[in-house]
Amino acid sequence: MGVVALMLSFALPGTGQANALPEIKALPLELAIKAGLATLDECSRNNYRVSVAVVDRGGNVKALLRHDGAGAHTPDSSFKKAYTSASLGRPTMELAELLVKVPRIQALRDMNDKILILGGGLPIKLDGQLVGGIGVGGAPGDQFDETCARAGLKAIGAE
């Protein structure tokens, strides 16, 4: 076996087929909208005027909803929280707490201008696979943003 053939065999682990593509689940638009609406409903029950963003695994907006009267900053903050949780695969509240405990990872917040490490963003996992993120901005505290986002996950059977 030549060097090139040997390198190719290492580059394609497990499949044995050069043209095999991995199966990657995608977040359907219908579920993104359903999660967003359930999130807004939860916030409405508590009289919070918020925005909610739902992104796919690549951080692209699938749904962006805003209550009448929500703050001007809330579409941006909800998107950035959703993007951050999808990009890093963790709740933004957990990341915020981690930055306090492990100061050497402070640079996480500066990876790009879309990162916002503030509670209210949750990764969306369906059948154990990361498919996106949901973010809420505008409730009177990030713990309330996160509670609303959890209602969105529950509505679509996400983890």
N, C-alpha and C. Protein backbone atom coordinates (compact mmCIF):
# COMPACT_ATOMS: atom_id res chain seq x y z
N MET A 1 0.86 -1.19 0.00
CA MET A 1 0.00 0.00 0.00
C MET A 1 0.90 1.23 0.00
N GLY A 2 0.63 2.13 -0.93
CA GLY A 2 1.42 3.35 -1.02
C GLY A 2 1.08 4.32 0.10
N VAL A 3 1.89 5.37 0.23
CA VAL A 3 1.69 6.37 1.26
C VAL A 3 0.34 7.08 1.10
N VAL A 4 -0.05 7.42 -0.12
CA VAL A 4 -1.32 8.11 -0.35
C VAL A 4 -2.49 7.22 0.05
N ALA A 5 -2.47 5.96 -0.33
CA ALA A 5 -3.55 5.03 0.03
C ALA A 5 -3.62 4.85 1.53
N LEU A 6 -2.49 4.77 2.19
CA LEU A 6 -2.45 4.63 3.64
C LEU A 6 -3.05 5.85 4.31
N MET A 7 -2.74 7.04 3.82
CA MET A 7 -3.29 8.28 4.38
C MET A 7 -4.80 8.32 4.20
N LEU A 8 -5.29 7.91 3.04
CA LEU A 8 -6.73 7.91 2.79
C LEU A 8 -7.45 6.94 3.71
N SER A 9 -6.85 5.83 4.01
CA SER A 9 -7.52 4.87 4.89
C SER A 9 -7.66 5.44 6.29
N PHE A 10 -6.74 6.27 6.70
CA PHE A 10 -6.87 6.91 8.01
C PHE A 10 -7.86 8.08 7.97
N ALA A 11 -8.02 8.69 6.82
CA ALA A 11 -8.90 9.85 6.70
C ALA A 11 -10.38 9.48 6.68
N LEU A 12 -10.70 8.22 6.43
CA LEU A 12 -12.09 7.79 6.34
C LEU A 12 -12.38 6.70 7.36
N PRO A 13 -12.28 6.99 8.65
CA PRO A 13 -12.46 5.94 9.66
C PRO A 13 -13.89 5.43 9.71
N GLY A 14 -14.00 4.13 9.88
CA GLY A 14 -15.29 3.52 10.19
C GLY A 14 -16.21 3.27 9.02
N THR A 15 -16.07 4.00 7.92
CA THR A 15 -17.04 3.83 6.84
C THR A 15 -16.57 2.82 5.82
N GLY A 16 -15.30 2.82 5.51
CA GLY A 16 -14.79 1.94 4.49
C GLY A 16 -15.23 2.37 3.09
N GLN A 17 -16.00 3.44 2.99
CA GLN A 17 -16.48 3.92 1.70
C GLN A 17 -16.06 5.38 1.52
N ALA A 18 -15.43 5.64 0.39
CA ALA A 18 -14.94 7.00 0.14
C ALA A 18 -16.07 8.02 0.00
N ASN A 19 -17.26 7.61 -0.46
CA ASN A 19 -18.34 8.56 -0.71
C ASN A 19 -19.40 8.59 0.37
N ALA A 20 -19.22 7.87 1.46
CA ALA A 20 -20.22 7.84 2.52
C ALA A 20 -20.20 9.17 3.28
N LEU A 21 -21.38 9.71 3.49
CA LEU A 21 -21.50 10.96 4.25
C LEU A 21 -22.15 10.66 5.59
N PRO A 22 -21.73 11.36 6.63
CA PRO A 22 -22.36 11.13 7.93
C PRO A 22 -23.80 11.64 7.92
N GLU A 23 -24.64 10.97 8.67
CA GLU A 23 -26.01 11.45 8.81
C GLU A 23 -26.04 12.51 9.90
N ILE A 24 -26.51 13.68 9.56
CA ILE A 24 -26.59 14.78 10.51
C ILE A 24 -28.05 15.23 10.56
N LYS A 25 -28.61 15.23 11.75
CA LYS A 25 -29.99 15.68 11.90
C LYS A 25 -30.04 17.21 11.78
N ALA A 26 -31.11 17.68 11.20
CA ALA A 26 -31.31 19.12 11.05
C ALA A 26 -32.57 19.52 11.80
N LEU A 27 -32.58 20.74 12.30
CA LEU A 27 -33.73 21.28 13.00
C LEU A 27 -34.75 21.77 11.97
N PRO A 28 -35.92 21.12 11.88
CA PRO A 28 -36.93 21.57 10.91
C PRO A 28 -37.51 22.93 11.31
N LEU A 29 -37.87 23.72 10.31
CA LEU A 29 -38.45 25.03 10.55
C LEU A 29 -39.68 24.94 11.44
N GLU A 30 -40.51 23.94 11.23
CA GLU A 30 -41.74 23.80 12.01
C GLU A 30 -41.43 23.66 13.51
N LEU A 31 -40.39 22.89 13.84
CA LEU A 31 -40.03 22.73 15.26
C LEU A 31 -39.42 24.02 15.81
N ALA A 32 -38.66 24.72 14.99
CA ALA A 32 -38.07 25.99 15.44
C ALA A 32 -39.17 26.98 15.79
N ILE A 33 -40.18 27.07 14.94
CA ILE A 33 -41.30 28.00 15.20
C ILE A 33 -42.09 27.55 16.42
N LYS A 34 -42.34 26.24 16.54
CA LYS A 34 -43.08 25.71 17.69
C LYS A 34 -42.35 26.02 18.99
N ALA A 35 -41.03 25.83 19.00
CA ALA A 35 -40.24 26.13 20.20
C ALA A 35 -40.29 27.62 20.53
N GLY A 36 -40.19 28.45 19.50
CA GLY A 36 -40.24 29.90 19.71
C GLY A 36 -41.56 30.36 20.27
N LEU A 37 -42.65 29.85 19.72
CA LEU A 37 -43.98 30.24 20.21
C LEU A 37 -44.22 29.76 21.64
N ALA A 38 -43.79 28.55 21.96
CA ALA A 38 -43.96 28.03 23.33
C ALA A 38 -43.14 28.87 24.32
N THR A 39 -41.99 29.32 23.88
CA THR A 39 -41.15 30.18 24.72
C THR A 39 -41.84 31.51 24.98
N LEU A 40 -42.37 32.12 23.93
CA LEU A 40 -43.09 33.39 24.11
C LEU A 40 -44.30 33.21 25.02
N ASP A 41 -45.03 32.10 24.86
CA ASP A 41 -46.18 31.83 25.72
C ASP A 41 -45.78 31.76 27.19
N GLU A 42 -44.68 31.06 27.46
CA GLU A 42 -44.20 30.93 28.85
C GLU A 42 -43.84 32.31 29.42
N CYS A 43 -43.15 33.11 28.65
CA CYS A 43 -42.78 34.45 29.12
C CYS A 43 -44.03 35.33 29.29
N SER A 44 -45.00 35.18 28.40
CA SER A 44 -46.24 35.96 28.50
C SER A 44 -46.98 35.68 29.79
N ARG A 45 -46.96 34.42 30.22
CA ARG A 45 -47.65 34.05 31.47
C ARG A 45 -47.08 34.81 32.67
N ASN A 46 -45.83 35.21 32.55
CA ASN A 46 -45.17 35.96 33.63
C ASN A 46 -45.03 37.45 33.30
N ASN A 47 -45.72 37.90 32.26
CA ASN A 47 -45.69 39.30 31.84
C ASN A 47 -44.30 39.79 31.46
N TYR A 48 -43.47 38.90 30.89
CA TYR A 48 -42.16 39.30 30.39
C TYR A 48 -42.30 39.59 28.90
N ARG A 49 -41.77 40.72 28.48
CA ARG A 49 -41.73 41.07 27.06
C ARG A 49 -40.33 40.76 26.55
N VAL A 50 -40.24 39.76 25.73
CA VAL A 50 -38.93 39.23 25.32
C VAL A 50 -38.87 39.02 23.81
N SER A 51 -37.68 38.70 23.38
CA SER A 51 -37.46 38.15 22.05
C SER A 51 -36.89 36.75 22.24
N VAL A 52 -37.20 35.88 21.29
CA VAL A 52 -36.66 34.53 21.30
C VAL A 52 -36.10 34.24 19.91
N ALA A 53 -34.91 33.67 19.91
CA ALA A 53 -34.27 33.26 18.65
C ALA A 53 -34.01 31.77 18.70
N VAL A 54 -34.23 31.12 17.57
CA VAL A 54 -33.92 29.72 17.41
C VAL A 54 -32.99 29.62 16.21
N VAL A 55 -31.84 28.97 16.42
CA VAL A 55 -30.85 28.82 15.35
C VAL A 55 -30.59 27.34 15.09
N ASP A 56 -30.05 27.05 13.90
CA ASP A 56 -29.66 25.68 13.59
C ASP A 56 -28.27 25.42 14.16
N ARG A 57 -27.74 24.24 13.93
CA ARG A 57 -26.45 23.87 14.51
C ARG A 57 -25.31 24.76 14.03
N GLY A 58 -25.46 25.41 12.88
CA GLY A 58 -24.45 26.32 12.38
C GLY A 58 -24.63 27.76 12.84
N GLY A 59 -25.64 28.00 13.69
CA GLY A 59 -25.89 29.34 14.21
C GLY A 59 -26.71 30.22 13.30
N ASN A 60 -27.32 29.64 12.27
CA ASN A 60 -28.16 30.41 11.34
C ASN A 60 -29.58 30.52 11.89
N VAL A 61 -30.15 31.69 11.81
CA VAL A 61 -31.49 31.93 12.36
C VAL A 61 -32.53 31.10 11.62
N LYS A 62 -33.32 30.35 12.40
CA LYS A 62 -34.47 29.61 11.88
C LYS A 62 -35.75 30.35 12.23
N ALA A 63 -35.78 30.98 13.40
CA ALA A 63 -36.96 31.72 13.85
C ALA A 63 -36.50 32.83 14.79
N LEU A 64 -37.10 33.99 14.66
CA LEU A 64 -36.84 35.11 15.56
C LEU A 64 -38.17 35.79 15.81
N LEU A 65 -38.62 35.74 17.05
CA LEU A 65 -39.92 36.29 17.44
C LEU A 65 -39.71 37.33 18.54
N ARG A 66 -40.51 38.40 18.50
CA ARG A 66 -40.37 39.49 19.47
C ARG A 66 -41.75 39.93 19.94
N HIS A 67 -41.91 39.95 21.28
CA HIS A 67 -43.15 40.50 21.85
C HIS A 67 -43.26 41.98 21.52
N ASP A 68 -44.48 42.46 21.38
CA ASP A 68 -44.69 43.90 21.29
C ASP A 68 -44.16 44.52 22.59
N GLY A 69 -43.40 45.57 22.48
CA GLY A 69 -42.89 46.25 23.66
C GLY A 69 -41.60 45.67 24.23
N ALA A 70 -41.06 44.62 23.62
CA ALA A 70 -39.77 44.10 24.09
C ALA A 70 -38.68 45.12 23.79
N GLY A 71 -37.66 45.15 24.62
CA GLY A 71 -36.57 46.11 24.46
C GLY A 71 -35.89 45.99 23.10
N ALA A 72 -35.35 47.10 22.64
CA ALA A 72 -34.70 47.15 21.33
C ALA A 72 -33.51 46.20 21.24
N HIS A 73 -32.87 45.92 22.36
CA HIS A 73 -31.69 45.05 22.37
C HIS A 73 -32.04 43.56 22.34
N THR A 74 -33.29 43.21 22.60
CA THR A 74 -33.64 41.80 22.82
C THR A 74 -33.50 40.90 21.59
N PRO A 75 -33.77 41.36 20.37
CA PRO A 75 -33.51 40.47 19.23
C PRO A 75 -32.02 40.08 19.13
N ASP A 76 -31.13 41.05 19.35
CA ASP A 76 -29.70 40.76 19.29
C ASP A 76 -29.26 39.84 20.43
N SER A 77 -29.71 40.13 21.64
CA SER A 77 -29.26 39.30 22.77
C SER A 77 -29.82 37.89 22.66
N SER A 78 -31.06 37.74 22.22
CA SER A 78 -31.62 36.39 22.10
C SER A 78 -30.87 35.60 21.02
N PHE A 79 -30.57 36.25 19.89
CA PHE A 79 -29.80 35.58 18.83
C PHE A 79 -28.43 35.15 19.33
N LYS A 80 -27.72 36.07 19.99
CA LYS A 80 -26.37 35.75 20.45
C LYS A 80 -26.36 34.63 21.49
N LYS A 81 -27.36 34.59 22.34
CA LYS A 81 -27.45 33.49 23.31
C LYS A 81 -27.72 32.17 22.60
N ALA A 82 -28.62 32.18 21.62
CA ALA A 82 -28.91 30.96 20.86
C ALA A 82 -27.66 30.51 20.10
N TYR A 83 -26.99 31.44 19.46
CA TYR A 83 -25.77 31.15 18.70
C TYR A 83 -24.71 30.54 19.61
N THR A 84 -24.51 31.16 20.77
CA THR A 84 -23.49 30.69 21.70
C THR A 84 -23.77 29.28 22.17
N SER A 85 -25.02 29.00 22.53
CA SER A 85 -25.34 27.66 23.03
C SER A 85 -25.24 26.62 21.91
N ALA A 86 -25.59 26.99 20.69
CA ALA A 86 -25.45 26.05 19.57
C ALA A 86 -23.97 25.84 19.23
N SER A 87 -23.21 26.92 19.23
CA SER A 87 -21.80 26.86 18.87
C SER A 87 -20.97 26.08 19.88
N LEU A 88 -21.23 26.32 21.15
CA LEU A 88 -20.43 25.69 22.20
C LEU A 88 -21.11 24.46 22.80
N GLY A 89 -22.36 24.22 22.43
CA GLY A 89 -23.05 23.01 22.87
C GLY A 89 -23.39 22.94 24.33
N ARG A 90 -23.48 24.10 24.97
CA ARG A 90 -23.77 24.14 26.41
C ARG A 90 -24.71 25.30 26.71
N PRO A 91 -25.43 25.21 27.83
CA PRO A 91 -26.25 26.34 28.25
C PRO A 91 -25.38 27.56 28.55
N THR A 92 -25.85 28.73 28.17
CA THR A 92 -25.05 29.93 28.40
C THR A 92 -24.91 30.25 29.89
N MET A 93 -25.90 29.87 30.70
CA MET A 93 -25.79 30.07 32.16
C MET A 93 -24.61 29.25 32.70
N GLU A 94 -24.51 28.01 32.24
CA GLU A 94 -23.42 27.14 32.65
C GLU A 94 -22.08 27.72 32.23
N LEU A 95 -22.02 28.26 31.03
CA LEU A 95 -20.78 28.88 30.55
C LEU A 95 -20.42 30.10 31.39
N ALA A 96 -21.41 30.91 31.74
CA ALA A 96 -21.15 32.10 32.56
C ALA A 96 -20.58 31.71 33.92
N GLU A 97 -21.15 30.66 34.51
CA GLU A 97 -20.65 30.18 35.81
C GLU A 97 -19.25 29.60 35.66
N LEU A 98 -18.99 28.91 34.55
CA LEU A 98 -17.68 28.32 34.30
C LEU A 98 -16.60 29.40 34.16
N LEU A 99 -16.93 30.52 33.52
CA LEU A 99 -15.96 31.60 33.37
C LEU A 99 -15.54 32.18 34.71
N VAL A 100 -16.45 32.19 35.67
CA VAL A 100 -16.12 32.70 37.00
C VAL A 100 -15.19 31.71 37.72
N LYS A 101 -15.48 30.43 37.57
CA LYS A 101 -14.70 29.38 38.26
C LYS A 101 -13.34 29.14 37.62
N VAL A 102 -13.24 29.32 36.30
CA VAL A 102 -12.00 29.03 35.58
C VAL A 102 -11.60 30.27 34.77
N PRO A 103 -10.98 31.25 35.43
CA PRO A 103 -10.66 32.52 34.77
C PRO A 103 -9.81 32.41 33.51
N ARG A 104 -9.01 31.36 33.38
CA ARG A 104 -8.13 31.25 32.22
C ARG A 104 -8.90 31.04 30.91
N ILE A 105 -10.19 30.74 30.98
CA ILE A 105 -10.98 30.55 29.75
C ILE A 105 -11.81 31.79 29.41
N GLN A 106 -11.48 32.92 29.98
CA GLN A 106 -12.19 34.17 29.70
C GLN A 106 -12.22 34.51 28.20
N ALA A 107 -11.24 34.04 27.47
CA ALA A 107 -11.16 34.35 26.04
C ALA A 107 -12.33 33.74 25.25
N LEU A 108 -13.05 32.80 25.83
CA LEU A 108 -14.23 32.25 25.16
C LEU A 108 -15.19 33.36 24.71
N ARG A 109 -15.34 34.35 25.55
CA ARG A 109 -16.29 35.42 25.24
C ARG A 109 -15.83 36.30 24.08
N ASP A 110 -14.57 36.17 23.70
CA ASP A 110 -14.03 37.00 22.63
C ASP A 110 -13.77 36.22 21.33
N MET A 111 -14.29 34.99 21.23
CA MET A 111 -14.02 34.18 20.03
C MET A 111 -14.54 34.86 18.77
N ASN A 112 -15.74 35.44 18.85
CA ASN A 112 -16.25 36.25 17.74
C ASN A 112 -17.32 37.18 18.30
N ASP A 113 -17.81 38.07 17.46
CA ASP A 113 -18.75 39.08 17.94
C ASP A 113 -20.18 38.56 18.13
N LYS A 114 -20.42 37.29 17.84
CA LYS A 114 -21.74 36.69 18.04
C LYS A 114 -21.88 36.00 19.38
N ILE A 115 -20.80 35.82 20.09
CA ILE A 115 -20.82 35.12 21.38
C ILE A 115 -21.36 36.05 22.46
N LEU A 116 -22.32 35.55 23.25
CA LEU A 116 -22.81 36.26 24.43
C LEU A 116 -22.98 35.24 25.54
N ILE A 117 -22.13 35.36 26.53
CA ILE A 117 -22.15 34.40 27.63
C ILE A 117 -22.90 35.05 28.79
N LEU A 118 -24.21 34.87 28.71
CA LEU A 118 -25.16 35.39 29.69
C LEU A 118 -26.32 34.42 29.66
N GLY A 119 -26.82 34.02 30.81
CA GLY A 119 -27.88 33.01 30.87
C GLY A 119 -29.06 33.33 29.98
N GLY A 120 -29.70 32.27 29.48
CA GLY A 120 -30.87 32.42 28.63
C GLY A 120 -30.73 31.71 27.30
N GLY A 121 -29.59 31.06 27.06
CA GLY A 121 -29.38 30.30 25.85
C GLY A 121 -29.21 28.83 26.17
N LEU A 122 -29.89 27.97 25.40
CA LEU A 122 -29.81 26.52 25.61
C LEU A 122 -29.56 25.82 24.28
N PRO A 123 -28.71 24.79 24.31
CA PRO A 123 -28.56 23.99 23.10
C PRO A 123 -29.83 23.17 22.87
N ILE A 124 -30.13 22.89 21.63
CA ILE A 124 -31.27 22.05 21.28
C ILE A 124 -30.71 20.71 20.82
N LYS A 125 -31.06 19.65 21.55
CA LYS A 125 -30.63 18.30 21.19
C LYS A 125 -31.86 17.45 20.95
N LEU A 126 -31.87 16.81 19.79
CA LEU A 126 -32.95 15.89 19.43
C LEU A 126 -32.32 14.52 19.19
N ASP A 127 -32.87 13.51 19.82
CA ASP A 127 -32.32 12.16 19.71
C ASP A 127 -30.83 12.13 20.01
N GLY A 128 -30.41 12.92 21.00
CA GLY A 128 -29.02 12.94 21.43
C GLY A 128 -28.07 13.72 20.53
N GLN A 129 -28.57 14.34 19.49
CA GLN A 129 -27.71 15.08 18.56
C GLN A 129 -27.99 16.58 18.62
N LEU A 130 -26.94 17.36 18.74
CA LEU A 130 -27.06 18.82 18.74
C LEU A 130 -27.58 19.28 17.37
N VAL A 131 -28.72 19.96 17.38
CA VAL A 131 -29.30 20.45 16.12
C VAL A 131 -29.46 21.96 16.10
N GLY A 132 -29.20 22.65 17.22
CA GLY A 132 -29.36 24.09 17.23
C GLY A 132 -29.28 24.67 18.63
N GLY A 133 -29.82 25.87 18.75
CA GLY A 133 -29.84 26.56 20.03
C GLY A 133 -31.05 27.47 20.10
N ILE A 134 -31.46 27.76 21.32
CA ILE A 134 -32.58 28.69 21.56
C ILE A 134 -32.10 29.73 22.56
N GLY A 135 -32.44 30.98 22.34
CA GLY A 135 -32.03 32.05 23.24
C GLY A 135 -33.17 33.01 23.50
N VAL A 136 -33.20 33.51 24.72
CA VAL A 136 -34.23 34.46 25.14
C VAL A 136 -33.55 35.68 25.74
N GLY A 137 -34.07 36.86 25.40
CA GLY A 137 -33.58 38.10 25.97
C GLY A 137 -34.73 39.00 26.33
N GLY A 138 -34.66 39.59 27.52
CA GLY A 138 -35.66 40.58 27.90
C GLY A 138 -36.38 40.35 29.20
N ALA A 139 -36.34 39.13 29.75
CA ALA A 139 -36.97 38.90 31.05
C ALA A 139 -36.14 39.64 32.11
N PRO A 140 -36.71 39.83 33.30
CA PRO A 140 -35.99 40.61 34.31
C PRO A 140 -34.90 39.82 35.04
N GLY A 141 -34.15 39.05 34.31
CA GLY A 141 -33.06 38.26 34.86
C GLY A 141 -32.80 37.06 33.97
N ASP A 142 -31.52 36.69 33.84
CA ASP A 142 -31.20 35.61 32.92
C ASP A 142 -31.77 34.26 33.35
N GLN A 143 -32.01 34.08 34.64
CA GLN A 143 -32.63 32.83 35.08
C GLN A 143 -34.06 32.71 34.55
N PHE A 144 -34.75 33.83 34.38
CA PHE A 144 -36.11 33.83 33.83
C PHE A 144 -36.07 33.62 32.31
N ASP A 145 -35.06 34.20 31.66
CA ASP A 145 -34.86 33.93 30.23
C ASP A 145 -34.69 32.42 30.02
N GLU A 146 -33.89 31.80 30.85
CA GLU A 146 -33.63 30.37 30.71
C GLU A 146 -34.88 29.53 30.97
N THR A 147 -35.67 29.92 31.97
CA THR A 147 -36.92 29.19 32.26
C THR A 147 -37.84 29.22 31.04
N CYS A 148 -37.95 30.36 30.40
CA CYS A 148 -38.78 30.47 29.19
C CYS A 148 -38.22 29.60 28.07
N ALA A 149 -36.89 29.61 27.88
CA ALA A 149 -36.27 28.80 26.84
C ALA A 149 -36.51 27.31 27.09
N ARG A 150 -36.49 26.90 28.34
CA ARG A 150 -36.75 25.48 28.67
C ARG A 150 -38.16 25.07 28.24
N ALA A 151 -39.11 25.98 28.34
CA ALA A 151 -40.47 25.67 27.90
C ALA A 151 -40.50 25.43 26.39
N GLY A 152 -39.69 26.15 25.66
CA GLY A 152 -39.57 25.93 24.22
C GLY A 152 -39.00 24.56 23.89
N LEU A 153 -37.98 24.16 24.63
CA LEU A 153 -37.39 22.83 24.43
C LEU A 153 -38.41 21.74 24.73
N LYS A 154 -39.12 21.92 25.84
CA LYS A 154 -40.11 20.93 26.24
C LYS A 154 -41.20 20.76 25.18
N ALA A 155 -41.60 21.85 24.56
CA ALA A 155 -42.67 21.82 23.56
C ALA A 155 -42.32 20.97 22.34
N ILE A 156 -41.02 20.83 22.06
CA ILE A 156 -40.62 20.04 20.90
C ILE A 156 -39.95 18.72 21.28
N GLY A 157 -39.99 18.39 22.56
CA GLY A 157 -39.41 17.13 23.01
C GLY A 157 -37.89 17.09 22.92
N ALA A 158 -37.26 18.26 23.05
CA ALA A 158 -35.80 18.35 22.98
C ALA A 158 -35.22 18.17 24.37
N GLU A 159 -33.95 17.80 24.38
CA GLU A 159 -33.23 17.62 25.65
C GLU A 159 -32.73 18.97 26.14
